[in-house]
Protein backbone atom coordinates (compact mmCIF):
# COMPACT_ATOMS: atom_id res chain seq x y z
CA MET A 1 -55.83 -9.82 -4.98
CA LYS A 2 -56.09 -7.64 -2.16
CA THR A 3 -56.37 -4.04 -2.13
CA ASP A 4 -55.47 -1.54 0.53
CA LYS A 5 -57.77 1.01 1.21
CA SER A 6 -54.78 4.06 -0.45
CA VAL A 7 -54.08 2.07 -3.24
CA LYS A 8 -56.38 1.69 -6.44
CA GLU A 9 -56.13 -1.14 -9.28
CA THR A 10 -56.05 -0.17 -12.67
CA ALA A 11 -56.37 -2.42 -15.76
CA ILE A 12 -53.33 -4.07 -16.00
CA ASN A 13 -53.56 -4.89 -11.87
CA MET A 14 -50.97 -2.55 -11.33
CA PRO A 15 -51.39 -1.12 -7.91
CA GLU A 16 -51.37 2.80 -8.44
CA ILE A 17 -50.83 4.65 -5.32
CA LYS A 18 -53.16 7.85 -4.46
CA SER A 19 -51.91 11.36 -4.15
CA ASP A 20 -51.94 11.54 -0.90
CA ASP A 21 -49.77 8.94 0.09
CA LYS A 22 -47.08 9.45 -2.60
CA ALA A 23 -44.75 11.47 -0.42
CA LYS A 24 -44.54 8.43 2.05
CA ALA A 25 -41.73 6.08 0.97
CA PRO A 26 -42.98 2.64 -0.05
CA LEU A 27 -41.21 0.39 1.82
CA LEU A 28 -41.66 1.92 5.12
CA ASN A 29 -45.15 1.54 4.25
CA SER A 30 -45.11 -1.67 2.92
CA SER A 31 -45.52 -4.96 5.68
CA LYS A 32 -42.45 -6.47 3.70
CA ALA A 33 -39.87 -3.78 4.22
CA ILE A 34 -36.40 -5.06 4.27
CA ALA A 35 -33.54 -4.06 6.13
CA VAL A 36 -30.58 -2.79 3.73
CA THR A 37 -26.98 -3.36 5.28
CA VAL A 38 -23.63 -1.26 3.93
CA GLU A 39 -21.18 -3.57 3.11
CA GLN A 40 -17.58 -2.15 4.72
CA PRO A 41 -14.84 -2.10 1.95
CA ASN A 42 -12.38 -4.68 1.45
CA ARG A 43 -9.40 -4.27 3.95
CA GLY A 44 -8.16 -8.17 3.83
CA SER A 45 -6.35 -6.98 0.06
CA LYS A 46 -4.99 -3.42 1.32
CA LYS A 47 -3.79 -4.68 4.43
CA GLY A 48 -2.12 -7.86 2.21
CA ILE A 49 -0.44 -5.34 -0.27
CA ALA A 50 0.50 -3.06 2.69
CA SER A 51 2.41 -6.46 4.12
CA GLY A 52 3.88 -7.13 1.08
CA ASP A 53 5.38 -3.59 0.95
CA PHE A 54 7.06 -3.89 4.23
CA VAL A 55 8.62 -7.26 3.72
CA LEU A 56 9.82 -5.88 0.66
CA ARG A 57 11.12 -2.74 2.73
CA LEU A 58 12.80 -4.84 4.43
CA PHE A 59 14.97 -7.06 2.36
CA ALA A 60 15.62 -3.76 -0.14
CA MET A 61 17.14 -2.24 3.39
CA GLY A 62 19.19 -5.52 4.05
CA ALA A 63 20.57 -5.62 0.62
CA ALA A 64 21.25 -1.88 0.48
CA LEU A 65 22.89 -2.03 3.93
CA GLY A 66 24.80 -5.36 3.33
CA ALA A 67 26.36 -3.50 -0.09
CA ALA A 68 27.40 -1.07 1.61
CA VAL A 69 29.06 -2.36 3.83
CA THR A 70 30.52 -5.09 1.84
CA MET A 71 32.36 -2.26 -0.65
CA GLY A 72 33.15 0.07 2.42
CA ASN A 73 35.20 -3.08 4.23
CA ASN A 74 36.40 -4.82 0.79
CA GLN A 75 39.78 -4.99 -0.35
CA GLN A 76 41.50 -6.50 -3.17
CA ILE A 77 45.04 -7.12 -3.90
CA LEU A 78 46.00 -7.54 -7.65
CA PRO A 79 49.21 -9.46 -9.13
CA PHE A 80 50.18 -8.04 -11.93
CA PHE A 81 52.64 -10.18 -13.99
CA THR A 82 54.67 -11.46 -11.23
CA GLN A 83 53.59 -11.79 -7.65
CA PHE A 84 56.20 -8.90 -7.03
CA ILE A 85 54.22 -6.35 -8.98
CA GLN A 86 50.80 -5.71 -6.79
CA PHE A 87 47.68 -3.12 -6.88
CA LEU A 88 45.94 -2.63 -3.92
CA ALA A 89 42.05 -1.44 -4.71
CA GLN A 90 40.10 0.17 -1.93
CA TYR A 91 36.89 1.42 -2.20
CA ASN A 92 37.93 5.20 -1.26
CA ASP A 93 40.86 5.31 -4.11
CA ILE A 94 38.12 5.77 -7.02
CA THR A 95 35.61 8.32 -6.41
CA THR A 96 32.72 6.25 -7.64
CA PHE A 97 32.96 3.55 -5.32
CA VAL A 98 32.78 6.27 -2.64
CA TYR A 99 29.64 7.30 -4.10
CA PHE A 100 28.10 3.90 -4.27
CA VAL A 101 29.35 3.19 -0.80
CA THR A 102 27.27 6.74 0.13
CA ALA A 103 24.44 5.81 -1.63
CA ASN A 104 24.05 2.66 -0.71
CA ALA A 105 24.02 3.54 2.96
CA ALA A 106 21.52 6.56 2.08
CA VAL A 107 19.17 4.07 0.59
CA ALA A 108 19.30 1.80 3.66
CA GLY A 109 18.44 5.05 6.21
CA TYR A 110 15.79 6.16 3.97
CA LEU A 111 14.14 2.84 4.01
CA PHE A 112 15.03 2.64 7.56
CA LEU A 113 12.75 5.39 8.31
CA SER A 114 9.85 4.28 5.83
CA LEU A 115 9.52 1.23 7.96
CA PRO A 116 7.31 2.97 10.40
CA PHE A 117 5.28 4.32 7.65
CA SER A 118 5.00 1.01 5.93
CA VAL A 119 3.55 -0.56 9.62
CA ILE A 120 0.69 2.11 9.62
CA CYS A 121 -0.27 1.19 6.12
CA ILE A 122 -0.65 -2.48 8.04
CA ASN A 123 -2.82 -1.18 11.25
CA ARG A 124 -4.65 1.19 9.12
CA PRO A 125 -5.15 -0.19 5.82
CA LEU A 126 -7.67 2.72 4.52
CA ALA A 127 -5.60 5.43 5.94
CA THR A 128 -3.83 7.46 2.61
CA THR A 129 -1.93 10.03 4.22
CA PRO A 130 0.73 7.32 5.04
CA ARG A 131 0.53 6.28 1.50
CA LEU A 132 0.52 9.15 -0.22
CA VAL A 133 3.89 10.18 2.33
CA LEU A 134 5.63 6.88 1.03
CA VAL A 135 4.53 7.51 -2.75
CA ILE A 136 6.01 10.78 -2.36
CA PHE A 137 9.41 10.13 -0.69
CA ASP A 138 9.65 6.99 -3.12
CA THR A 139 9.51 9.18 -6.21
């Protein structure tokens, strides 16, 4: 086994570094220094989740908007016993239906306003502020 000037062999063939060389990094003194690479965080999985979130928000916005338009424009005529007695039902006859139409329109509006934050999460997967804003407003 070759010995360097600054290394002295011990009884069990482990090199021992002299006290004046202890302050130096052993990898930098060695001829077998290796390069250490820092791995970037996995952006693909966060980008996939953000894309899924965007698609779900888009579908939910379409469903809420479709439900609001359908309930707002729908009328039903209910014949009672005979053809001569009929009832006309509209969404504004009962306040609960007015609430449902208004709530569905508000949900569609919120989802429309949250789409840009979802796009930001797709383009910048490591940004935490848009995700935090979406979580707070979603709850």
